[in-house]
PDB file of N, CA and C in Angstrom:
ATOM      1  N   UNK A   1      93.639 115.591 103.284  1.00  0.00           N
ATOM      2  CA  UNK A   1      93.658 114.689 102.092  1.00  0.00           C
ATOM      3  C   UNK A   1      93.483 113.300 102.583  1.00  0.00           C
ATOM      4  N   UNK A   2      92.733 112.542 101.832  1.00  0.00           N
ATOM      5  CA  UNK A   2      92.514 111.164 102.254  1.00  0.00           C
ATOM      6  C   UNK A   2      93.081 110.191 101.289  1.00  0.00           C
ATOM      7  N   UNK A   3      93.350 108.976 101.767  1.00  0.00           N
ATOM      8  CA  UNK A   3      93.867 107.940 100.891  1.00  0.00           C
ATOM      9  C   UNK A   3      92.840 107.465  99.947  1.00  0.00           C
ATOM     10  N   UNK A   4      91.594 107.901 100.127  1.00  0.00           N
ATOM     11  CA  UNK A   4      90.480 107.576  99.176  1.00  0.00           C
ATOM     12  C   UNK A   4      90.421 108.584  98.002  1.00  0.00           C
ATOM     13  N   UNK A   5      91.384 109.511  97.987  1.00  0.00           N
ATOM     14  CA  UNK A   5      91.464 110.472  96.904  1.00  0.00           C
ATOM     15  C   UNK A   5      90.621 111.750  97.096  1.00  0.00           C
ATOM     16  N   UNK A   6      89.921 111.815  98.234  1.00  0.00           N
ATOM     17  CA  UNK A   6      89.101 113.013  98.482  1.00  0.00           C
ATOM     18  C   UNK A   6      89.866 113.976  99.348  1.00  0.00           C
ATOM     19  N   UNK A   7      89.536 115.256  99.240  1.00  0.00           N
ATOM     20  CA  UNK A   7      90.172 116.293 100.040  1.00  0.00           C
ATOM     21  C   UNK A   7      89.214 117.454 100.209  1.00  0.00           C
ATOM     22  N   UNK A   8      89.494 118.265 101.188  1.00  0.00           N
ATOM     23  CA  UNK A   8      88.786 119.499 101.356  1.00  0.00           C
ATOM     24  C   UNK A   8      89.736 120.498 101.976  1.00  0.00           C
ATOM     25  N   UNK A   9      89.461 121.763 101.733  1.00  0.00           N
ATOM     26  CA  UNK A   9      90.310 122.870 102.230  1.00  0.00           C
ATOM     27  C   UNK A   9      89.648 123.363 103.536  1.00  0.00           C
ATOM     28  N   UNK A  10      90.416 123.538 104.587  1.00  0.00           N
ATOM     29  CA  UNK A  10      89.950 124.055 105.831  1.00  0.00           C
ATOM     30  C   UNK A  10      90.606 125.379 106.179  1.00  0.00           C
ATOM     31  N   UNK A  11      89.914 126.155 106.954  1.00  0.00           N
ATOM     32  CA  UNK A  11      90.502 127.464 107.362  1.00  0.00           C
ATOM     33  C   UNK A  11      91.437 127.237 108.536  1.00  0.00           C
ATOM     34  N   UNK A  12      92.141 128.283 108.919  1.00  0.00           N
ATOM     35  CA  UNK A  12      93.133 128.170 110.024  1.00  0.00           C
ATOM     36  C   UNK A  12      92.554 127.710 111.305  1.00  0.00           C
ATOM     37  N   UNK A  13      91.372 128.202 111.664  1.00  0.00           N
ATOM     38  CA  UNK A  13      90.752 127.814 112.927  1.00  0.00           C
ATOM     39  C   UNK A  13      90.480 126.288 112.981  1.00  0.00           C
ATOM     40  N   UNK A  14      89.877 125.783 111.873  1.00  0.00           N
ATOM     41  CA  UNK A  14      89.585 124.375 111.819  1.00  0.00           C
ATOM     42  C   UNK A  14      90.858 123.543 111.818  1.00  0.00           C
ATOM     43  N   UNK A  15      91.888 124.000 111.115  1.00  0.00           N
ATOM     44  CA  UNK A  15      93.151 123.283 111.038  1.00  0.00           C
ATOM     45  C   UNK A  15      93.754 123.167 112.465  1.00  0.00           C
ATOM     46  N   UNK A  16      93.731 124.282 113.224  1.00  0.00           N
ATOM     47  CA  UNK A  16      94.254 124.261 114.583  1.00  0.00           C
ATOM     48  C   UNK A  16      93.413 123.322 115.458  1.00  0.00           C
ATOM     49  N   UNK A  17      92.119 123.285 115.226  1.00  0.00           N
ATOM     50  CA  UNK A  17      91.267 122.336 115.983  1.00  0.00           C
ATOM     51  C   UNK A  17      91.628 120.862 115.702  1.00  0.00           C
ATOM     52  N   UNK A  18      91.877 120.578 114.415  1.00  0.00           N
ATOM     53  CA  UNK A  18      92.251 119.233 114.017  1.00  0.00           C
ATOM     54  C   UNK A  18      93.595 118.892 114.624  1.00  0.00           C
ATOM     55  N   UNK A  19      94.544 119.792 114.613  1.00  0.00           N
ATOM     56  CA  UNK A  19      95.879 119.541 115.171  1.00  0.00           C
ATOM     57  C   UNK A  19      95.764 119.333 116.654  1.00  0.00           C
ATOM     58  N   UNK A  20      94.899 120.078 117.333  1.00  0.00           N
ATOM     59  CA  UNK A  20      94.702 119.880 118.771  1.00  0.00           C
ATOM     60  C   UNK A  20      94.138 118.503 119.070  1.00  0.00           C
ATOM     61  N   UNK A  21      93.163 118.066 118.234  1.00  0.00           N
ATOM     62  CA  UNK A  21      92.582 116.722 118.410  1.00  0.00           C
ATOM     63  C   UNK A  21      93.639 115.614 118.190  1.00  0.00           C
ATOM     64  N   UNK A  22      94.645 115.851 117.375  1.00  0.00           N
ATOM     65  CA  UNK A  22      95.668 114.878 117.085  1.00  0.00           C
ATOM     66  C   UNK A  22      96.811 114.969 118.097  1.00  0.00           C
ATOM     67  N   UNK A  23      96.763 115.901 118.976  1.00  0.00           N
ATOM     68  CA  UNK A  23      97.824 116.034 119.992  1.00  0.00           C
ATOM     69  C   UNK A  23      97.982 114.692 120.844  1.00  0.00           C
ATOM     70  N   UNK A  24      99.162 114.216 120.882  1.00  0.00           N
ATOM     71  CA  UNK A  24      99.439 113.000 121.601  1.00  0.00           C
ATOM     72  C   UNK A  24      99.262 111.704 120.785  1.00  0.00           C
ATOM     73  N   UNK A  25      98.618 111.776 119.692  1.00  0.00           N
ATOM     74  CA  UNK A  25      98.418 110.552 118.827  1.00  0.00           C
ATOM     75  C   UNK A  25      98.853 110.811 117.359  1.00  0.00           C
ATOM     76  N   UNK A  26      99.563 111.860 117.149  1.00  0.00           N
ATOM     77  CA  UNK A  26      99.899 112.216 115.773  1.00  0.00           C
ATOM     78  C   UNK A  26     101.327 111.752 115.389  1.00  0.00           C
ATOM     79  N   UNK A  27     101.444 111.627 114.103  1.00  0.00           N
ATOM     80  CA  UNK A  27     102.748 111.371 113.467  1.00  0.00           C
ATOM     81  C   UNK A  27     102.736 112.265 112.234  1.00  0.00           C
ATOM     82  N   UNK A  28     103.893 112.545 111.686  1.00  0.00           N
ATOM     83  CA  UNK A  28     103.946 113.382 110.520  1.00  0.00           C
ATOM     84  C   UNK A  28     104.964 112.910 109.516  1.00  0.00           C
ATOM     85  N   UNK A  29     104.884 113.362 108.294  1.00  0.00           N
ATOM     86  CA  UNK A  29     105.773 113.000 107.218  1.00  0.00           C
ATOM     87  C   UNK A  29     105.810 114.073 106.183  1.00  0.00           C
ATOM     88  N   UNK A  30     107.058 114.470 105.833  1.00  0.00           N
ATOM     89  CA  UNK A  30     107.169 115.476 104.739  1.00  0.00           C
ATOM     90  C   UNK A  30     106.739 114.805 103.428  1.00  0.00           C
ATOM     91  N   UNK A  31     106.081 115.570 102.555  1.00  0.00           N
ATOM     92  CA  UNK A  31     105.680 115.112 101.246  1.00  0.00           C
ATOM     93  C   UNK A  31     106.862 115.304 100.312  1.00  0.00           C
ATOM     94  N   UNK A  32     107.617 114.247 100.080  1.00  0.00           N
ATOM     95  CA  UNK A  32     108.786 114.339  99.263  1.00  0.00           C
ATOM     96  C   UNK A  32     109.798 115.266  99.848  1.00  0.00           C
ATOM     97  N   UNK A  33     110.392 116.106  98.975  1.00  0.00           N
ATOM     98  CA  UNK A  33     111.374 117.065  99.406  1.00  0.00           C
ATOM     99  C   UNK A  33     110.785 118.453  99.581  1.00  0.00           C
ATOM    100  N   UNK A  34     109.467 118.527  99.667  1.00  0.00           N
ATOM    101  CA  UNK A  34     108.795 119.792  99.790  1.00  0.00           C
ATOM    102  C   UNK A  34     108.777 120.240 101.263  1.00  0.00           C
ATOM    103  N   UNK A  35     108.244 121.409 101.527  1.00  0.00           N
ATOM    104  CA  UNK A  35     108.027 121.884 102.918  1.00  0.00           C
ATOM    105  C   UNK A  35     106.617 121.515 103.399  1.00  0.00           C
ATOM    106  N   UNK A  36     105.899 120.706 102.633  1.00  0.00           N
ATOM    107  CA  UNK A  36     104.556 120.287 103.012  1.00  0.00           C
ATOM    108  C   UNK A  36     104.659 119.114 103.957  1.00  0.00           C
ATOM    109  N   UNK A  37     103.874 119.187 104.995  1.00  0.00           N
ATOM    110  CA  UNK A  37     103.933 118.185 106.078  1.00  0.00           C
ATOM    111  C   UNK A  37     102.584 117.586 106.239  1.00  0.00           C
ATOM    112  N   UNK A  38     102.472 116.220 106.130  1.00  0.00           N
ATOM    113  CA  UNK A  38     101.227 115.527 106.394  1.00  0.00           C
ATOM    114  C   UNK A  38     101.222 115.107 107.849  1.00  0.00           C
ATOM    115  N   UNK A  39     100.209 115.508 108.554  1.00  0.00           N
ATOM    116  CA  UNK A  39     100.016 115.145 109.983  1.00  0.00           C
ATOM    117  C   UNK A  39      98.799 114.249 110.070  1.00  0.00           C
ATOM    118  N   UNK A  40      98.933 113.118 110.738  1.00  0.00           N
ATOM    119  CA  UNK A  40      97.874 112.129 110.756  1.00  0.00           C
ATOM    120  C   UNK A  40      97.892 111.365 112.060  1.00  0.00           C
ATOM    121  N   UNK A  41      96.809 110.650 112.283  1.00  0.00           N
ATOM    122  CA  UNK A  41      96.624 109.822 113.479  1.00  0.00           C
ATOM    123  C   UNK A  41      97.509 108.598 113.385  1.00  0.00           C
ATOM    124  N   UNK A  42      98.438 108.445 114.316  1.00  0.00           N
ATOM    125  CA  UNK A  42      99.392 107.318 114.312  1.00  0.00           C
ATOM    126  C   UNK A  42      98.648 105.983 114.452  1.00  0.00           C
ATOM    127  N   UNK A  43      97.428 105.981 115.015  1.00  0.00           N
ATOM    128  CA  UNK A  43      96.660 104.730 115.126  1.00  0.00           C
ATOM    129  C   UNK A  43      96.133 104.242 113.792  1.00  0.00           C
ATOM    130  N   UNK A  44      96.283 105.004 112.724  1.00  0.00           N
ATOM    131  CA  UNK A  44      95.793 104.686 111.424  1.00  0.00           C
ATOM    132  C   UNK A  44      96.939 104.140 110.514  1.00  0.00           C
ATOM    133  N   UNK A  45      98.077 103.808 111.116  1.00  0.00           N
ATOM    134  CA  UNK A  45      99.261 103.352 110.377  1.00  0.00           C
ATOM    135  C   UNK A  45      99.310 101.803 110.403  1.00  0.00           C
ATOM    136  N   UNK A  46      99.513 101.227 109.232  1.00  0.00           N
ATOM    137  CA  UNK A  46      99.753  99.791 109.144  1.00  0.00           C
ATOM    138  C   UNK A  46     101.256  99.592 108.939  1.00  0.00           C
ATOM    139  N   UNK A  47     101.826  98.630 109.639  1.00  0.00           N
ATOM    140  CA  UNK A  47     103.210  98.271 109.430  1.00  0.00           C
ATOM    141  C   UNK A  47     103.220  96.972 108.648  1.00  0.00           C
ATOM    142  N   UNK A  48     103.747  97.006 107.446  1.00  0.00           N
ATOM    143  CA  UNK A  48     103.745  95.868 106.541  1.00  0.00           C
ATOM    144  C   UNK A  48     105.187  95.635 106.153  1.00  0.00           C
ATOM    145  N   UNK A  49     105.747  94.488 106.552  1.00  0.00           N
ATOM    146  CA  UNK A  49     107.131  94.218 106.242  1.00  0.00           C
ATOM    147  C   UNK A  49     107.985  95.336 106.850  1.00  0.00           C
ATOM    148  N   UNK A  50     108.779  95.944 105.993  1.00  0.00           N
ATOM    149  CA  UNK A  50     109.644  97.067 106.493  1.00  0.00           C
ATOM    150  C   UNK A  50     109.012  98.396 106.136  1.00  0.00           C
ATOM    151  N   UNK A  51     107.735  98.435 105.654  1.00  0.00           N
ATOM    152  CA  UNK A  51     107.110  99.674 105.265  1.00  0.00           C
ATOM    153  C   UNK A  51     106.009 100.097 106.211  1.00  0.00           C
ATOM    154  N   UNK A  52     105.670 101.409 106.198  1.00  0.00           N
ATOM    155  CA  UNK A  52     104.624 101.980 106.974  1.00  0.00           C
ATOM    156  C   UNK A  52     103.641 102.627 106.051  1.00  0.00           C
ATOM    157  N   UNK A  53     102.352 102.425 106.222  1.00  0.00           N
ATOM    158  CA  UNK A  53     101.298 102.944 105.413  1.00  0.00           C
ATOM    159  C   UNK A  53     100.207 103.587 106.211  1.00  0.00           C
ATOM    160  N   UNK A  54      99.719 104.742 105.781  1.00  0.00           N
ATOM    161  CA  UNK A  54      98.555 105.356 106.383  1.00  0.00           C
ATOM    162  C   UNK A  54      97.301 104.977 105.633  1.00  0.00           C
ATOM    163  N   UNK A  55      96.336 104.558 106.406  1.00  0.00           N
ATOM    164  CA  UNK A  55      95.020 104.300 105.816  1.00  0.00           C
ATOM    165  C   UNK A  55      94.119 105.357 106.489  1.00  0.00           C
ATOM    166  N   UNK A  56      93.647 106.314 105.688  1.00  0.00           N
ATOM    167  CA  UNK A  56      92.792 107.372 106.252  1.00  0.00           C
ATOM    168  C   UNK A  56      93.185 108.736 105.718  1.00  0.00           C
ATOM    169  N   UNK A  57      93.062 109.720 106.521  1.00  0.00           N
ATOM    170  CA  UNK A  57      93.297 111.101 106.072  1.00  0.00           C
ATOM    171  C   UNK A  57      94.395 111.766 106.896  1.00  0.00           C
ATOM    172  N   UNK A  58      94.903 112.856 106.261  1.00  0.00           N
ATOM    173  CA  UNK A  58      95.954 113.627 106.844  1.00  0.00           C
ATOM    174  C   UNK A  58      95.633 115.091 106.584  1.00  0.00           C
ATOM    175  N   UNK A  59      96.052 115.925 107.536  1.00  0.00           N
ATOM    176  CA  UNK A  59      95.995 117.349 107.284  1.00  0.00           C
ATOM    177  C   UNK A  59      97.369 117.753 106.759  1.00  0.00           C
ATOM    178  N   UNK A  60      97.352 118.577 105.714  1.00  0.00           N
ATOM    179  CA  UNK A  60      98.600 119.037 105.141  1.00  0.00           C
ATOM    180  C   UNK A  60      98.805 120.452 105.467  1.00  0.00           C
ATOM    181  N   UNK A  61      99.958 120.745 106.051  1.00  0.00           N
ATOM    182  CA  UNK A  61     100.353 122.070 106.438  1.00  0.00           C
ATOM    183  C   UNK A  61     101.724 122.341 105.840  1.00  0.00           C
ATOM    184  N   UNK A  62     102.207 123.595 105.982  1.00  0.00           N
ATOM    185  CA  UNK A  62     103.476 123.921 105.452  1.00  0.00           C
ATOM    186  C   UNK A  62     104.399 124.323 106.597  1.00  0.00           C
ATOM    187  N   UNK A  63     105.600 123.794 106.597  1.00  0.00           N
ATOM    188  CA  UNK A  63     106.589 124.146 107.640  1.00  0.00           C
ATOM    189  C   UNK A  63     107.217 125.461 107.227  1.00  0.00           C
ATOM    190  N   UNK A  64     106.961 126.499 108.022  1.00  0.00           N
ATOM    191  CA  UNK A  64     107.518 127.845 107.747  1.00  0.00           C
ATOM    192  C   UNK A  64     108.633 128.198 108.641  1.00  0.00           C
ATOM    193  N   UNK A  65     109.244 129.293 108.431  1.00  0.00           N
ATOM    194  CA  UNK A  65     110.347 129.774 109.282  1.00  0.00           C
ATOM    195  C   UNK A  65     109.898 129.998 110.714  1.00  0.00           C
ATOM    196  N   UNK A  66     108.735 130.526 110.899  1.00  0.00           N
ATOM    197  CA  UNK A  66     108.247 130.820 112.247  1.00  0.00           C
ATOM    198  C   UNK A  66     107.188 129.846 112.732  1.00  0.00           C
ATOM    199  N   UNK A  67     107.191 128.610 112.196  1.00  0.00           N
ATOM    200  CA  UNK A  67     106.198 127.645 112.622  1.00  0.00           C
ATOM    201  C   UNK A  67     105.462 127.096 111.422  1.00  0.00           C
ATOM    202  N   UNK A  68     104.234 126.652 111.626  1.00  0.00           N
ATOM    203  CA  UNK A  68     103.433 126.107 110.545  1.00  0.00           C
ATOM    204  C   UNK A  68     102.647 127.190 109.864  1.00  0.00           C
ATOM    205  N   UNK A  69     102.346 126.964 108.584  1.00  0.00           N
ATOM    206  CA  UNK A  69     101.596 127.912 107.791  1.00  0.00           C
ATOM    207  C   UNK A  69     100.539 127.157 107.002  1.00  0.00           C
ATOM    208  N   UNK A  70      99.519 127.909 106.653  1.00  0.00           N
ATOM    209  CA  UNK A  70      98.461 127.320 105.781  1.00  0.00           C
ATOM    210  C   UNK A  70      98.909 127.407 104.304  1.00  0.00           C
ATOM    211  N   UNK A  71      98.375 126.533 103.471  1.00  0.00           N
ATOM    212  CA  UNK A  71      98.691 126.517 102.080  1.00  0.00           C
ATOM    213  C   UNK A  71      97.800 127.448 101.319  1.00  0.00           C
ATOM    214  N   UNK A  72      98.359 128.081 100.276  1.00  0.00           N
ATOM    215  CA  UNK A  72      97.504 128.855  99.377  1.00  0.00           C
ATOM    216  C   UNK A  72      96.985 127.934  98.281  1.00  0.00           C
ATOM    217  N   UNK A  73      96.174 128.434  97.359  1.00  0.00           N
ATOM    218  CA  UNK A  73      95.510 127.568  96.360  1.00  0.00           C
ATOM    219  C   UNK A  73      96.525 126.842  95.473  1.00  0.00           C
ATOM    220  N   UNK A  74      97.579 127.485  95.078  1.00  0.00           N
ATOM    221  CA  UNK A  74      98.647 126.854  94.239  1.00  0.00           C
ATOM    222  C   UNK A  74      99.329 125.747  95.015  1.00  0.00           C
ATOM    223  N   UNK A  75      99.634 126.020  96.286  1.00  0.00           N
ATOM    224  CA  UNK A  75     100.280 125.027  97.125  1.00  0.00           C
ATOM    225  C   UNK A  75      99.395 123.817  97.400  1.00  0.00           C
ATOM    226  N   UNK A  76      98.133 124.040  97.504  1.00  0.00           N
ATOM    227  CA  UNK A  76      97.192 122.908  97.658  1.00  0.00           C
ATOM    228  C   UNK A  76      97.276 121.980  96.478  1.00  0.00           C
ATOM    229  N   UNK A  77      97.344 122.471  95.307  1.00  0.00           N
ATOM    230  CA  UNK A  77      97.491 121.649  94.109  1.00  0.00           C
ATOM    231  C   UNK A  77      98.794 120.899  94.076  1.00  0.00           C
ATOM    232  N   UNK A  78      99.873 121.544  94.467  1.00  0.00           N
ATOM    233  CA  UNK A  78     101.236 120.932  94.566  1.00  0.00           C
ATOM    234  C   UNK A  78     101.183 119.792  95.594  1.00  0.00           C
ATOM    235  N   UNK A  79     100.593 120.060  96.746  1.00  0.00           N
ATOM    236  CA  UNK A  79     100.549 119.077  97.825  1.00  0.00           C
ATOM    237  C   UNK A  79      99.707 117.896  97.434  1.00  0.00           C
ATOM    238  N   UNK A  80      98.592 118.146  96.710  1.00  0.00           N
ATOM    239  CA  UNK A  80      97.800 117.037  96.261  1.00  0.00           C
ATOM    240  C   UNK A  80      98.570 116.084  95.385  1.00  0.00           C
ATOM    241  N   UNK A  81      99.371 116.663  94.455  1.00  0.00           N
ATOM    242  CA  UNK A  81     100.236 115.818  93.549  1.00  0.00           C
ATOM    243  C   UNK A  81     101.257 115.044  94.361  1.00  0.00           C
ATOM    244  N   UNK A  82     101.924 115.682  95.344  1.00  0.00           N
ATOM    245  CA  UNK A  82     102.916 115.007  96.121  1.00  0.00           C
ATOM    246  C   UNK A  82     102.286 113.869  96.914  1.00  0.00           C
ATOM    247  N   UNK A  83     101.119 114.129  97.518  1.00  0.00           N
ATOM    248  CA  UNK A  83     100.426 113.101  98.288  1.00  0.00           C
ATOM    249  C   UNK A  83     100.019 111.914  97.400  1.00  0.00           C
ATOM    250  N   UNK A  84      99.417 112.266  96.280  1.00  0.00           N
ATOM    251  CA  UNK A  84      98.961 111.206  95.340  1.00  0.00           C
ATOM    252  C   UNK A  84     100.086 110.376  94.824  1.00  0.00           C
ATOM    253  N   UNK A  85     101.285 110.992  94.657  1.00  0.00           N
ATOM    254  CA  UNK A  85     102.442 110.282  94.189  1.00  0.00           C
ATOM    255  C   UNK A  85     102.967 109.247  95.153  1.00  0.00           C
ATOM    256  N   UNK A  86     102.521 109.316  96.412  1.00  0.00           N
ATOM    257  CA  UNK A  86     102.948 108.312  97.451  1.00  0.00           C
ATOM    258  C   UNK A  86     101.883 107.301  97.733  1.00  0.00           C
ATOM    259  N   UNK A  87     100.775 107.308  97.025  1.00  0.00           N
ATOM    260  CA  UNK A  87      99.684 106.394  97.258  1.00  0.00           C
ATOM    261  C   UNK A  87     100.058 105.022  96.664  1.00  0.00           C
ATOM    262  N   UNK A  88      99.772 103.985  97.411  1.00  0.00           N
ATOM    263  CA  UNK A  88     100.013 102.612  97.005  1.00  0.00           C
ATOM    264  C   UNK A  88      98.686 101.862  97.158  1.00  0.00           C
ATOM    265  N   UNK A  89      98.585 100.765  96.409  1.00  0.00           N
ATOM    266  CA  UNK A  89      97.453  99.883  96.598  1.00  0.00           C
ATOM    267  C   UNK A  89      97.910  98.638  97.317  1.00  0.00           C
ATOM    268  N   UNK A  90      97.257  98.386  98.506  1.00  0.00           N
ATOM    269  CA  UNK A  90      97.542  97.237  99.271  1.00  0.00           C
ATOM    270  C   UNK A  90      96.468  96.200  98.982  1.00  0.00           C
ATOM    271  N   UNK A  91      96.866  94.918  98.858  1.00  0.00           N
ATOM    272  CA  UNK A  91      95.899  93.897  98.511  1.00  0.00           C
ATOM    273  C   UNK A  91      96.070  92.788  99.581  1.00  0.00           C
ATOM    274  N   UNK A  92      94.891  92.404 100.164  1.00  0.00           N
ATOM    275  CA  UNK A  92      94.804  91.321 101.109  1.00  0.00           C
ATOM    276  C   UNK A  92      93.486  90.623 100.976  1.00  0.00           C
ATOM    277  N   UNK A  93      93.558  89.298 100.838  1.00  0.00           N
ATOM    278  CA  UNK A  93      92.371  88.465 100.689  1.00  0.00           C
ATOM    279  C   UNK A  93      91.449  88.985  99.611  1.00  0.00           C
ATOM    280  N   UNK A  94      92.012  89.407  98.530  1.00  0.00           N
ATOM    281  CA  UNK A  94      91.231  89.868  97.366  1.00  0.00           C
ATOM    282  C   UNK A  94      90.671  91.272  97.462  1.00  0.00           C
ATOM    283  N   UNK A  95      90.912  91.983  98.588  1.00  0.00           N
ATOM    284  CA  UNK A  95      90.477  93.344  98.783  1.00  0.00           C
ATOM    285  C   UNK A  95      91.634  94.295  98.507  1.00  0.00           C
ATOM    286  N   UNK A  96      91.301  95.394  97.918  1.00  0.00           N
ATOM    287  CA  UNK A  96      92.305  96.452  97.614  1.00  0.00           C
ATOM    288  C   UNK A  96      91.979  97.668  98.442  1.00  0.00           C
ATOM    289  N   UNK A  97      93.051  98.214  99.044  1.00  0.00           N
ATOM    290  CA  UNK A  97      92.970  99.380  99.832  1.00  0.00           C
ATOM    291  C   UNK A  97      94.040 100.381  99.396  1.00  0.00           C
ATOM    292  N   UNK A  98      93.630 101.602  99.219  1.00  0.00           N
ATOM    293  CA  UNK A  98      94.580 102.670  98.872  1.00  0.00           C
ATOM    294  C   UNK A  98      95.197 103.186 100.182  1.00  0.00           C
ATOM    295  N   UNK A  99      96.535 103.337 100.178  1.00  0.00           N
ATOM    296  CA  UNK A  99      97.246 103.788 101.356  1.00  0.00           C
ATOM    297  C   UNK A  99      98.396 104.744 100.980  1.00  0.00           C
ATOM    298  N   UNK A 100      98.707 105.620 101.898  1.00  0.00           N
ATOM    299  CA  UNK A 100      99.806 106.581 101.730  1.00  0.00           C
ATOM    300  C   UNK A 100     101.070 105.948 102.315  1.00  0.00           C
ATOM    301  N   UNK A 101     102.101 105.823 101.514  1.00  0.00           N
ATOM    302  CA  UNK A 101     103.366 105.245 101.988  1.00  0.00           C
ATOM    303  C   UNK A 101     104.135 106.271 102.717  1.00  0.00           C
ATOM    304  N   UNK A 102     104.377 105.989 104.020  1.00  0.00           N
ATOM    305  CA  UNK A 102     105.120 106.915 104.889  1.00  0.00           C
ATOM    306  C   UNK A 102     106.600 106.646 104.676  1.00  0.00           C
ATOM    307  N   UNK A 103     107.303 107.735 104.510  1.00  0.00           N
ATOM    308  CA  UNK A 103     108.689 107.420 104.347  1.00  0.00           C
ATOM    309  C   UNK A 103     109.644 108.404 104.118  1.00  0.00           C
TER     310      UNK A 103
END
C-alpha cells in the first residue's frame, strides 16, 4: 500500500522477495490494534517534531502464531482501511504530501 492511495496484491513469492530486499533497511508498524503489520524502508521516514511519517509504500503482512502470513481478500480490505485511517497530509512551502503516521 502506498501513501498515494494506490495498492496491489502480491503473491507469497513476491512478498518474500520484497521482504528480502528490505532486509537491513526495514522498519515495521502494526496497523492500529490489528495483527496487520506494515513493513517499509526506514530510509523513507520523515521525522517531524515528535512524529514519524512514511512517505512511500509498505508491504502489509499478518503476524501469525507461526510467523508471518499473507492476507486473504477480506483482510486486504480491513488493512486498507486501517492504513488509510493513519494517513496525514503534510504541508511544506505550499506543497501537500500524503504520509502514513507511524506510531
